[in-house]
């Protein structure tokens, strides 16, 4: 995984502050592969169905806070629920790694 411990801590801390203590954040995409170079940080936030719309409304607040901690980087945040992941072709093909 091509994230520093500082970046992982900043991601988890920002997620807990913005989305709540039970937030679960995963990394997917090229940053999972240690042999690749470059690439943006692709994050998946899993929330309960009842929190989905609220989480989507806080997306840019999270990204702003995170960039304030780790600096200006290309970061993509996908917000989903388990049910949506199962029914979405793109999301169902991801092999995300939980950041903990």
PDB file of N, CA and C in Angstrom:
ATOM      1  N   UNK A   1       0.866  -1.169   0.000  1.00  0.00           N
ATOM      2  CA  UNK A   1       0.000   0.000   0.000  1.00  0.00           C
ATOM      3  C   UNK A   1       0.913   1.232   0.000  1.00  0.00           C
ATOM      4  N   UNK A   2       0.645   2.123  -0.934  1.00  0.00           N
ATOM      5  CA  UNK A   2       1.488   3.307  -1.065  1.00  0.00           C
ATOM      6  C   UNK A   2       0.860   4.532  -0.403  1.00  0.00           C
ATOM      7  N   UNK A   3       0.680   4.417   0.895  1.00  0.00           N
ATOM      8  CA  UNK A   3       0.292   5.538   1.751  1.00  0.00           C
ATOM      9  C   UNK A   3       1.200   5.499   2.968  1.00  0.00           C
ATOM     10  N   UNK A   4       1.559   6.664   3.460  1.00  0.00           N
ATOM     11  CA  UNK A   4       2.362   6.701   4.676  1.00  0.00           C
ATOM     12  C   UNK A   4       1.452   6.490   5.883  1.00  0.00           C
ATOM     13  N   UNK A   5       2.054   6.149   7.003  1.00  0.00           N
ATOM     14  CA  UNK A   5       1.275   6.019   8.242  1.00  0.00           C
ATOM     15  C   UNK A   5       0.586   7.332   8.579  1.00  0.00           C
ATOM     16  N   UNK A   6       1.273   8.449   8.329  1.00  0.00           N
ATOM     17  CA  UNK A   6       0.690   9.761   8.577  1.00  0.00           C
ATOM     18  C   UNK A   6      -0.563   9.974   7.723  1.00  0.00           C
ATOM     19  N   UNK A   7      -0.505   9.589   6.444  1.00  0.00           N
ATOM     20  CA  UNK A   7      -1.663   9.749   5.558  1.00  0.00           C
ATOM     21  C   UNK A   7      -2.826   8.867   6.001  1.00  0.00           C
ATOM     22  N   UNK A   8      -2.524   7.636   6.393  1.00  0.00           N
ATOM     23  CA  UNK A   8      -3.570   6.718   6.863  1.00  0.00           C
ATOM     24  C   UNK A   8      -4.236   7.281   8.117  1.00  0.00           C
ATOM     25  N   UNK A   9      -3.441   7.770   9.051  1.00  0.00           N
ATOM     26  CA  UNK A   9      -3.993   8.356  10.275  1.00  0.00           C
ATOM     27  C   UNK A   9      -4.838   9.584   9.966  1.00  0.00           C
ATOM     28  N   UNK A  10      -4.375  10.414   9.047  1.00  0.00           N
ATOM     29  CA  UNK A  10      -5.113  11.630   8.678  1.00  0.00           C
ATOM     30  C   UNK A  10      -6.438  11.276   8.012  1.00  0.00           C
ATOM     31  N   UNK A  11      -6.435  10.262   7.164  1.00  0.00           N
ATOM     32  CA  UNK A  11      -7.668   9.830   6.493  1.00  0.00           C
ATOM     33  C   UNK A  11      -8.669   9.325   7.525  1.00  0.00           C
ATOM     34  N   UNK A  12      -8.216   8.430   8.398  1.00  0.00           N
ATOM     35  CA  UNK A  12      -9.122   7.873   9.413  1.00  0.00           C
ATOM     36  C   UNK A  12      -9.617   8.937  10.381  1.00  0.00           C
ATOM     37  N   UNK A  13      -8.734   9.820  10.810  1.00  0.00           N
ATOM     38  CA  UNK A  13      -9.132  10.882  11.734  1.00  0.00           C
ATOM     39  C   UNK A  13     -10.153  11.810  11.093  1.00  0.00           C
ATOM     40  N   UNK A  14      -9.913  12.219   9.862  1.00  0.00           N
ATOM     41  CA  UNK A  14     -10.854  13.101   9.164  1.00  0.00           C
ATOM     42  C   UNK A  14     -12.200  12.408   8.965  1.00  0.00           C
ATOM     43  N   UNK A  15     -12.167  11.129   8.617  1.00  0.00           N
ATOM     44  CA  UNK A  15     -13.419  10.386   8.415  1.00  0.00           C
ATOM     45  C   UNK A  15     -14.216  10.313   9.707  1.00  0.00           C
ATOM     46  N   UNK A  16     -13.557  10.050  10.815  1.00  0.00           N
ATOM     47  CA  UNK A  16     -14.259   9.965  12.094  1.00  0.00           C
ATOM     48  C   UNK A  16     -14.827  11.314  12.503  1.00  0.00           C
ATOM     49  N   UNK A  17     -14.069  12.376  12.257  1.00  0.00           N
ATOM     50  CA  UNK A  17     -14.536  13.708  12.626  1.00  0.00           C
ATOM     51  C   UNK A  17     -15.726  14.160  11.767  1.00  0.00           C
ATOM     52  N   UNK A  18     -15.707  13.834  10.488  1.00  0.00           N
ATOM     53  CA  UNK A  18     -16.749  14.300   9.573  1.00  0.00           C
ATOM     54  C   UNK A  18     -17.929  13.333   9.511  1.00  0.00           C
ATOM     55  N   UNK A  19     -17.644  12.033   9.444  1.00  0.00           N
ATOM     56  CA  UNK A  19     -18.702  11.042   9.228  1.00  0.00           C
ATOM     57  C   UNK A  19     -19.076  10.242  10.473  1.00  0.00           C
ATOM     58  N   UNK A  20     -18.335  10.393  11.556  1.00  0.00           N
ATOM     59  CA  UNK A  20     -18.663   9.690  12.787  1.00  0.00           C
ATOM     60  C   UNK A  20     -17.678   8.589  13.124  1.00  0.00           C
ATOM     61  N   UNK A  21     -17.715   8.185  14.376  1.00  0.00           N
ATOM     62  CA  UNK A  21     -16.748   7.217  14.910  1.00  0.00           C
ATOM     63  C   UNK A  21     -16.837   5.846  14.252  1.00  0.00           C
ATOM     64  N   UNK A  22     -17.985   5.509  13.676  1.00  0.00           N
ATOM     65  CA  UNK A  22     -18.154   4.187  13.067  1.00  0.00           C
ATOM     66  C   UNK A  22     -17.837   4.164  11.577  1.00  0.00           C
ATOM     67  N   UNK A  23     -17.277   5.245  11.064  1.00  0.00           N
ATOM     68  CA  UNK A  23     -16.990   5.295   9.627  1.00  0.00           C
ATOM     69  C   UNK A  23     -15.917   4.270   9.263  1.00  0.00           C
ATOM     70  N   UNK A  24     -16.058   3.703   8.077  1.00  0.00           N
ATOM     71  CA  UNK A  24     -15.109   2.710   7.573  1.00  0.00           C
ATOM     72  C   UNK A  24     -14.599   3.196   6.223  1.00  0.00           C
ATOM     73  N   UNK A  25     -13.290   3.381   6.131  1.00  0.00           N
ATOM     74  CA  UNK A  25     -12.682   3.895   4.915  1.00  0.00           C
ATOM     75  C   UNK A  25     -11.757   2.834   4.339  1.00  0.00           C
ATOM     76  N   UNK A  26     -11.841   2.673   3.024  1.00  0.00           N
ATOM     77  CA  UNK A  26     -11.050   1.680   2.307  1.00  0.00           C
ATOM     78  C   UNK A  26     -10.256   2.369   1.203  1.00  0.00           C
ATOM     79  N   UNK A  27      -9.123   1.793   0.870  1.00  0.00           N
ATOM     80  CA  UNK A  27      -8.315   2.243  -0.248  1.00  0.00           C
ATOM     81  C   UNK A  27      -8.504   1.267  -1.398  1.00  0.00           C
ATOM     82  N   UNK A  28      -8.639   1.790  -2.617  1.00  0.00           N
ATOM     83  CA  UNK A  28      -8.683   0.929  -3.792  1.00  0.00           C
ATOM     84  C   UNK A  28      -7.898   1.609  -4.903  1.00  0.00           C
ATOM     85  N   UNK A  29      -7.733   0.922  -6.000  1.00  0.00           N
ATOM     86  CA  UNK A  29      -7.034   1.505  -7.137  1.00  0.00           C
ATOM     87  C   UNK A  29      -5.534   1.276  -7.076  1.00  0.00           C
ATOM     88  N   UNK A  30      -4.797   2.108  -7.803  1.00  0.00           N
ATOM     89  CA  UNK A  30      -3.362   1.891  -7.993  1.00  0.00           C
ATOM     90  C   UNK A  30      -2.545   2.026  -6.717  1.00  0.00           C
ATOM     91  N   UNK A  31      -3.012   2.774  -5.744  1.00  0.00           N
ATOM     92  CA  UNK A  31      -2.232   2.963  -4.512  1.00  0.00           C
ATOM     93  C   UNK A  31      -2.143   1.692  -3.662  1.00  0.00           C
ATOM     94  N   UNK A  32      -2.932   0.688  -3.976  1.00  0.00           N
ATOM     95  CA  UNK A  32      -2.830  -0.587  -3.258  1.00  0.00           C
ATOM     96  C   UNK A  32      -1.565  -1.333  -3.684  1.00  0.00           C
ATOM     97  N   UNK A  33      -1.166  -1.152  -4.939  1.00  0.00           N
ATOM     98  CA  UNK A  33      -0.051  -1.886  -5.526  1.00  0.00           C
ATOM     99  C   UNK A  33       1.270  -1.174  -5.235  1.00  0.00           C
ATOM    100  N   UNK A  34       2.135  -1.814  -4.454  1.00  0.00           N
ATOM    101  CA  UNK A  34       3.430  -1.230  -4.099  1.00  0.00           C
ATOM    102  C   UNK A  34       4.364  -1.081  -5.297  1.00  0.00           C
ATOM    103  N   UNK A  35       4.120  -1.822  -6.367  1.00  0.00           N
ATOM    104  CA  UNK A  35       5.007  -1.793  -7.523  1.00  0.00           C
ATOM    105  C   UNK A  35       4.685  -0.671  -8.501  1.00  0.00           C
ATOM    106  N   UNK A  36       3.524  -0.069  -8.375  1.00  0.00           N
ATOM    107  CA  UNK A  36       3.142   1.019  -9.267  1.00  0.00           C
ATOM    108  C   UNK A  36       3.646   2.341  -8.718  1.00  0.00           C
ATOM    109  N   UNK A  37       3.622   3.356  -9.570  1.00  0.00           N
ATOM    110  CA  UNK A  37       4.040   4.696  -9.159  1.00  0.00           C
ATOM    111  C   UNK A  37       2.929   5.677  -9.466  1.00  0.00           C
ATOM    112  N   UNK A  38       2.912   6.763  -8.693  1.00  0.00           N
ATOM    113  CA  UNK A  38       1.948   7.821  -8.958  1.00  0.00           C
ATOM    114  C   UNK A  38       0.522   7.391  -8.671  1.00  0.00           C
ATOM    115  N   UNK A  39      -0.393   8.105  -9.257  1.00  0.00           N
ATOM    116  CA  UNK A  39      -1.803   7.793  -9.095  1.00  0.00           C
ATOM    117  C   UNK A  39      -2.440   8.588  -7.984  1.00  0.00           C
ATOM    118  N   UNK A  40      -3.733   8.776  -8.111  1.00  0.00           N
ATOM    119  CA  UNK A  40      -4.467   9.496  -7.079  1.00  0.00           C
ATOM    120  C   UNK A  40      -4.798   8.555  -5.932  1.00  0.00           C
ATOM    121  N   UNK A  41      -5.312   9.117  -4.864  1.00  0.00           N
ATOM    122  CA  UNK A  41      -5.736   8.329  -3.713  1.00  0.00           C
ATOM    123  C   UNK A  41      -7.224   8.054  -3.887  1.00  0.00           C
ATOM    124  N   UNK A  42      -7.563   6.796  -4.134  1.00  0.00           N
ATOM    125  CA  UNK A  42      -8.956   6.387  -4.319  1.00  0.00           C
ATOM    126  C   UNK A  42      -9.476   5.802  -3.023  1.00  0.00           C
ATOM    127  N   UNK A  43     -10.476   6.467  -2.446  1.00  0.00           N
ATOM    128  CA  UNK A  43     -11.035   6.045  -1.167  1.00  0.00           C
ATOM    129  C   UNK A  43     -12.493   5.647  -1.321  1.00  0.00           C
ATOM    130  N   UNK A  44     -12.886   4.649  -0.566  1.00  0.00           N
ATOM    131  CA  UNK A  44     -14.276   4.197  -0.498  1.00  0.00           C
ATOM    132  C   UNK A  44     -14.727   4.338   0.944  1.00  0.00           C
ATOM    133  N   UNK A  45     -15.808   5.057   1.142  1.00  0.00           N
ATOM    134  CA  UNK A  45     -16.406   5.207   2.471  1.00  0.00           C
ATOM    135  C   UNK A  45     -17.687   4.392   2.489  1.00  0.00           C
ATOM    136  N   UNK A  46     -17.756   3.427   3.403  1.00  0.00           N
ATOM    137  CA  UNK A  46     -18.975   2.630   3.569  1.00  0.00           C
ATOM    138  C   UNK A  46     -19.782   3.179   4.731  1.00  0.00           C
ATOM    139  N   UNK A  47     -21.053   3.431   4.463  1.00  0.00           N
ATOM    140  CA  UNK A  47     -21.955   3.953   5.485  1.00  0.00           C
ATOM    141  C   UNK A  47     -23.229   3.121   5.485  1.00  0.00           C
ATOM    142  N   UNK A  48     -24.001   3.274   6.550  1.00  0.00           N
ATOM    143  CA  UNK A  48     -25.320   2.643   6.598  1.00  0.00           C
ATOM    144  C   UNK A  48     -26.235   3.352   5.613  1.00  0.00           C
ATOM    145  N   UNK A  49     -27.214   2.631   5.126  1.00  0.00           N
ATOM    146  CA  UNK A  49     -28.160   3.198   4.153  1.00  0.00           C
ATOM    147  C   UNK A  49     -28.810   4.477   4.690  1.00  0.00           C
ATOM    148  N   UNK A  50     -29.123   4.502   5.974  1.00  0.00           N
ATOM    149  CA  UNK A  50     -29.790   5.664   6.568  1.00  0.00           C
ATOM    150  C   UNK A  50     -28.881   6.896   6.621  1.00  0.00           C
ATOM    151  N   UNK A  51     -27.579   6.706   6.506  1.00  0.00           N
ATOM    152  CA  UNK A  51     -26.620   7.814   6.579  1.00  0.00           C
ATOM    153  C   UNK A  51     -26.090   8.231   5.201  1.00  0.00           C
ATOM    154  N   UNK A  52     -26.530   7.553   4.163  1.00  0.00           N
ATOM    155  CA  UNK A  52     -25.961   7.749   2.821  1.00  0.00           C
ATOM    156  C   UNK A  52     -26.086   9.193   2.329  1.00  0.00           C
ATOM    157  N   UNK A  53     -27.277   9.756   2.366  1.00  0.00           N
ATOM    158  CA  UNK A  53     -27.468  11.116   1.842  1.00  0.00           C
ATOM    159  C   UNK A  53     -26.703  12.153   2.663  1.00  0.00           C
ATOM    160  N   UNK A  54     -26.692  11.988   3.970  1.00  0.00           N
ATOM    161  CA  UNK A  54     -25.946  12.914   4.819  1.00  0.00           C
ATOM    162  C   UNK A  54     -24.448  12.813   4.526  1.00  0.00           C
ATOM    163  N   UNK A  55     -23.947  11.601   4.368  1.00  0.00           N
ATOM    164  CA  UNK A  55     -22.527  11.420   4.067  1.00  0.00           C
ATOM    165  C   UNK A  55     -22.167  12.076   2.740  1.00  0.00           C
ATOM    166  N   UNK A  56     -23.023  11.919   1.733  1.00  0.00           N
ATOM    167  CA  UNK A  56     -22.746  12.543   0.431  1.00  0.00           C
ATOM    168  C   UNK A  56     -22.680  14.063   0.558  1.00  0.00           C
ATOM    169  N   UNK A  57     -23.501  14.621   1.417  1.00  0.00           N
ATOM    170  CA  UNK A  57     -23.500  16.079   1.585  1.00  0.00           C
ATOM    171  C   UNK A  57     -22.240  16.575   2.305  1.00  0.00           C
ATOM    172  N   UNK A  58     -21.525  15.682   2.978  1.00  0.00           N
ATOM    173  CA  UNK A  58     -20.311  16.052   3.708  1.00  0.00           C
ATOM    174  C   UNK A  58     -19.030  15.700   2.952  1.00  0.00           C
ATOM    175  N   UNK A  59     -19.163  15.208   1.736  1.00  0.00           N
ATOM    176  CA  UNK A  59     -18.013  14.746   0.960  1.00  0.00           C
ATOM    177  C   UNK A  59     -16.941  15.824   0.812  1.00  0.00           C
ATOM    178  N   UNK A  60     -17.323  17.019   0.384  1.00  0.00           N
ATOM    179  CA  UNK A  60     -16.331  18.061   0.130  1.00  0.00           C
ATOM    180  C   UNK A  60     -15.748  18.620   1.422  1.00  0.00           C
ATOM    181  N   UNK A  61     -16.508  18.579   2.492  1.00  0.00           N
ATOM    182  CA  UNK A  61     -15.986  18.971   3.801  1.00  0.00           C
ATOM    183  C   UNK A  61     -14.856  18.013   4.197  1.00  0.00           C
ATOM    184  N   UNK A  62     -15.070  16.724   3.985  1.00  0.00           N
ATOM    185  CA  UNK A  62     -14.042  15.721   4.274  1.00  0.00           C
ATOM    186  C   UNK A  62     -12.798  15.954   3.429  1.00  0.00           C
ATOM    187  N   UNK A  63     -12.983  16.133   2.120  1.00  0.00           N
ATOM    188  CA  UNK A  63     -11.841  16.308   1.232  1.00  0.00           C
ATOM    189  C   UNK A  63     -11.045  17.561   1.590  1.00  0.00           C
ATOM    190  N   UNK A  64     -11.736  18.652   1.909  1.00  0.00           N
ATOM    191  CA  UNK A  64     -11.053  19.885   2.306  1.00  0.00           C
ATOM    192  C   UNK A  64     -10.244  19.676   3.583  1.00  0.00           C
ATOM    193  N   UNK A  65     -10.846  19.026   4.564  1.00  0.00           N
ATOM    194  CA  UNK A  65     -10.153  18.786   5.828  1.00  0.00           C
ATOM    195  C   UNK A  65      -8.949  17.879   5.616  1.00  0.00           C
ATOM    196  N   UNK A  66      -9.127  16.828   4.833  1.00  0.00           N
ATOM    197  CA  UNK A  66      -8.038  15.891   4.597  1.00  0.00           C
ATOM    198  C   UNK A  66      -6.870  16.571   3.882  1.00  0.00           C
ATOM    199  N   UNK A  67      -7.165  17.372   2.872  1.00  0.00           N
ATOM    200  CA  UNK A  67      -6.089  18.065   2.163  1.00  0.00           C
ATOM    201  C   UNK A  67      -5.386  19.072   3.069  1.00  0.00           C
ATOM    202  N   UNK A  68      -6.096  19.627   4.023  1.00  0.00           N
ATOM    203  CA  UNK A  68      -5.459  20.503   4.997  1.00  0.00           C
ATOM    204  C   UNK A  68      -4.450  19.764   5.855  1.00  0.00           C
ATOM    205  N   UNK A  69      -4.660  18.460   6.026  1.00  0.00           N
ATOM    206  CA  UNK A  69      -3.756  17.655   6.849  1.00  0.00           C
ATOM    207  C   UNK A  69      -2.603  17.067   6.047  1.00  0.00           C
ATOM    208  N   UNK A  70      -2.879  16.578   4.833  1.00  0.00           N
ATOM    209  CA  UNK A  70      -1.834  15.872   4.071  1.00  0.00           C
ATOM    210  C   UNK A  70      -1.326  16.665   2.876  1.00  0.00           C
ATOM    211  N   UNK A  71      -1.896  17.821   2.638  1.00  0.00           N
ATOM    212  CA  UNK A  71      -1.457  18.631   1.513  1.00  0.00           C
ATOM    213  C   UNK A  71      -2.305  18.368   0.273  1.00  0.00           C
ATOM    214  N   UNK A  72      -2.095  19.205  -0.711  1.00  0.00           N
ATOM    215  CA  UNK A  72      -2.858  19.133  -1.963  1.00  0.00           C
ATOM    216  C   UNK A  72      -2.480  17.863  -2.714  1.00  0.00           C
ATOM    217  N   UNK A  73      -3.462  16.993  -2.900  1.00  0.00           N
ATOM    218  CA  UNK A  73      -3.272  15.746  -3.643  1.00  0.00           C
ATOM    219  C   UNK A  73      -4.550  15.441  -4.399  1.00  0.00           C
ATOM    220  N   UNK A  74      -4.425  14.581  -5.393  1.00  0.00           N
ATOM    221  CA  UNK A  74      -5.621  14.127  -6.103  1.00  0.00           C
ATOM    222  C   UNK A  74      -6.247  13.007  -5.276  1.00  0.00           C
ATOM    223  N   UNK A  75      -7.453  13.266  -4.792  1.00  0.00           N
ATOM    224  CA  UNK A  75      -8.149  12.303  -3.949  1.00  0.00           C
ATOM    225  C   UNK A  75      -9.556  12.113  -4.504  1.00  0.00           C
ATOM    226  N   UNK A  76      -9.923  10.864  -4.723  1.00  0.00           N
ATOM    227  CA  UNK A  76     -11.290  10.529  -5.121  1.00  0.00           C
ATOM    228  C   UNK A  76     -11.953   9.824  -3.944  1.00  0.00           C
ATOM    229  N   UNK A  77     -13.168  10.245  -3.620  1.00  0.00           N
ATOM    230  CA  UNK A  77     -13.924   9.608  -2.543  1.00  0.00           C
ATOM    231  C   UNK A  77     -15.235   9.090  -3.106  1.00  0.00           C
ATOM    232  N   UNK A  78     -15.420   7.793  -3.003  1.00  0.00           N
ATOM    233  CA  UNK A  78     -16.676   7.146  -3.388  1.00  0.00           C
ATOM    234  C   UNK A  78     -17.403   6.791  -2.102  1.00  0.00           C
ATOM    235  N   UNK A  79     -18.655   7.190  -2.018  1.00  0.00           N
ATOM    236  CA  UNK A  79     -19.466   6.885  -0.837  1.00  0.00           C
ATOM    237  C   UNK A  79     -20.505   5.856  -1.243  1.00  0.00           C
ATOM    238  N   UNK A  80     -20.611   4.797  -0.452  1.00  0.00           N
ATOM    239  CA  UNK A  80     -21.550   3.736  -0.798  1.00  0.00           C
ATOM    240  C   UNK A  80     -22.039   3.029   0.463  1.00  0.00           C
ATOM    241  N   UNK A  81     -22.971   2.144   0.251  1.00  0.00           N
ATOM    242  CA  UNK A  81     -23.454   1.229   1.278  1.00  0.00           C
ATOM    243  C   UNK A  81     -23.158  -0.186   0.782  1.00  0.00           C
ATOM    244  N   UNK A  82     -23.235  -1.157   1.664  1.00  0.00           N
ATOM    245  CA  UNK A  82     -23.006  -2.544   1.235  1.00  0.00           C
ATOM    246  C   UNK A  82     -24.002  -2.958   0.156  1.00  0.00           C
ATOM    247  N   UNK A  83     -25.250  -2.575   0.325  1.00  0.00           N
ATOM    248  CA  UNK A  83     -26.285  -2.940  -0.638  1.00  0.00           C
ATOM    249  C   UNK A  83     -25.988  -2.322  -2.014  1.00  0.00           C
ATOM    250  N   UNK A  84     -25.604  -1.058  -2.027  1.00  0.00           N
ATOM    251  CA  UNK A  84     -25.281  -0.391  -3.285  1.00  0.00           C
ATOM    252  C   UNK A  84     -24.048  -1.013  -3.941  1.00  0.00           C
ATOM    253  N   UNK A  85     -23.073  -1.412  -3.136  1.00  0.00           N
ATOM    254  CA  UNK A  85     -21.872  -2.044  -3.688  1.00  0.00           C
ATOM    255  C   UNK A  85     -22.214  -3.332  -4.420  1.00  0.00           C
ATOM    256  N   UNK A  86     -23.109  -4.105  -3.851  1.00  0.00           N
ATOM    257  CA  UNK A  86     -23.476  -5.381  -4.456  1.00  0.00           C
ATOM    258  C   UNK A  86     -24.195  -5.207  -5.783  1.00  0.00           C
ATOM    259  N   UNK A  87     -24.965  -4.129  -5.919  1.00  0.00           N
ATOM    260  CA  UNK A  87     -25.768  -3.947  -7.126  1.00  0.00           C
ATOM    261  C   UNK A  87     -25.100  -3.060  -8.177  1.00  0.00           C
ATOM    262  N   UNK A  88     -23.957  -2.470  -7.858  1.00  0.00           N
ATOM    263  CA  UNK A  88     -23.260  -1.590  -8.786  1.00  0.00           C
ATOM    264  C   UNK A  88     -22.100  -2.358  -9.428  1.00  0.00           C
ATOM    265  N   UNK A  89     -22.065  -2.419 -10.755  1.00  0.00           N
ATOM    266  CA  UNK A  89     -21.047  -3.200 -11.453  1.00  0.00           C
ATOM    267  C   UNK A  89     -19.638  -2.725 -11.116  1.00  0.00           C
ATOM    268  N   UNK A  90     -19.404  -1.422 -11.143  1.00  0.00           N
ATOM    269  CA  UNK A  90     -18.080  -0.889 -10.831  1.00  0.00           C
ATOM    270  C   UNK A  90     -17.686  -1.208  -9.395  1.00  0.00           C
ATOM    271  N   UNK A  91     -18.550  -0.874  -8.459  1.00  0.00           N
ATOM    272  CA  UNK A  91     -18.231  -1.062  -7.043  1.00  0.00           C
ATOM    273  C   UNK A  91     -18.078  -2.535  -6.677  1.00  0.00           C
ATOM    274  N   UNK A  92     -18.843  -3.394  -7.325  1.00  0.00           N
ATOM    275  CA  UNK A  92     -18.763  -4.820  -6.994  1.00  0.00           C
ATOM    276  C   UNK A  92     -17.441  -5.442  -7.454  1.00  0.00           C
ATOM    277  N   UNK A  93     -16.727  -4.778  -8.364  1.00  0.00           N
ATOM    278  CA  UNK A  93     -15.444  -5.296  -8.853  1.00  0.00           C
ATOM    279  C   UNK A  93     -14.237  -4.811  -8.044  1.00  0.00           C
ATOM    280  N   UNK A  94     -14.469  -3.874  -7.129  1.00  0.00           N
ATOM    281  CA  UNK A  94     -13.354  -3.351  -6.334  1.00  0.00           C
ATOM    282  C   UNK A  94     -12.853  -4.395  -5.345  1.00  0.00           C
ATOM    283  N   UNK A  95     -11.584  -4.322  -5.063  1.00  0.00           N
ATOM    284  CA  UNK A  95     -10.984  -5.139  -4.013  1.00  0.00           C
ATOM    285  C   UNK A  95     -10.344  -4.181  -3.003  1.00  0.00           C
ATOM    286  N   UNK A  96     -11.165  -3.456  -2.266  1.00  0.00           N
ATOM    287  CA  UNK A  96     -10.624  -2.426  -1.386  1.00  0.00           C
ATOM    288  C   UNK A  96      -9.942  -3.006  -0.154  1.00  0.00           C
ATOM    289  N   UNK A  97      -9.010  -2.220   0.374  1.00  0.00           N
ATOM    290  CA  UNK A  97      -8.288  -2.584   1.595  1.00  0.00           C
ATOM    291  C   UNK A  97      -8.692  -1.576   2.668  1.00  0.00           C
ATOM    292  N   UNK A  98      -9.174  -2.089   3.797  1.00  0.00           N
ATOM    293  CA  UNK A  98      -9.612  -1.174   4.859  1.00  0.00           C
ATOM    294  C   UNK A  98      -8.411  -0.487   5.488  1.00  0.00           C
ATOM    295  N   UNK A  99      -8.555   0.812   5.699  1.00  0.00           N
ATOM    296  CA  UNK A  99      -7.513   1.600   6.358  1.00  0.00           C
ATOM    297  C   UNK A  99      -7.814   1.614   7.841  1.00  0.00           C
ATOM    298  N   UNK A 100      -6.972   0.959   8.603  1.00  0.00           N
ATOM    299  CA  UNK A 100      -7.181   0.929  10.046  1.00  0.00           C
ATOM    300  C   UNK A 100      -5.862   0.998  10.770  1.00  0.00           C
TER     301      UNK A 100
END
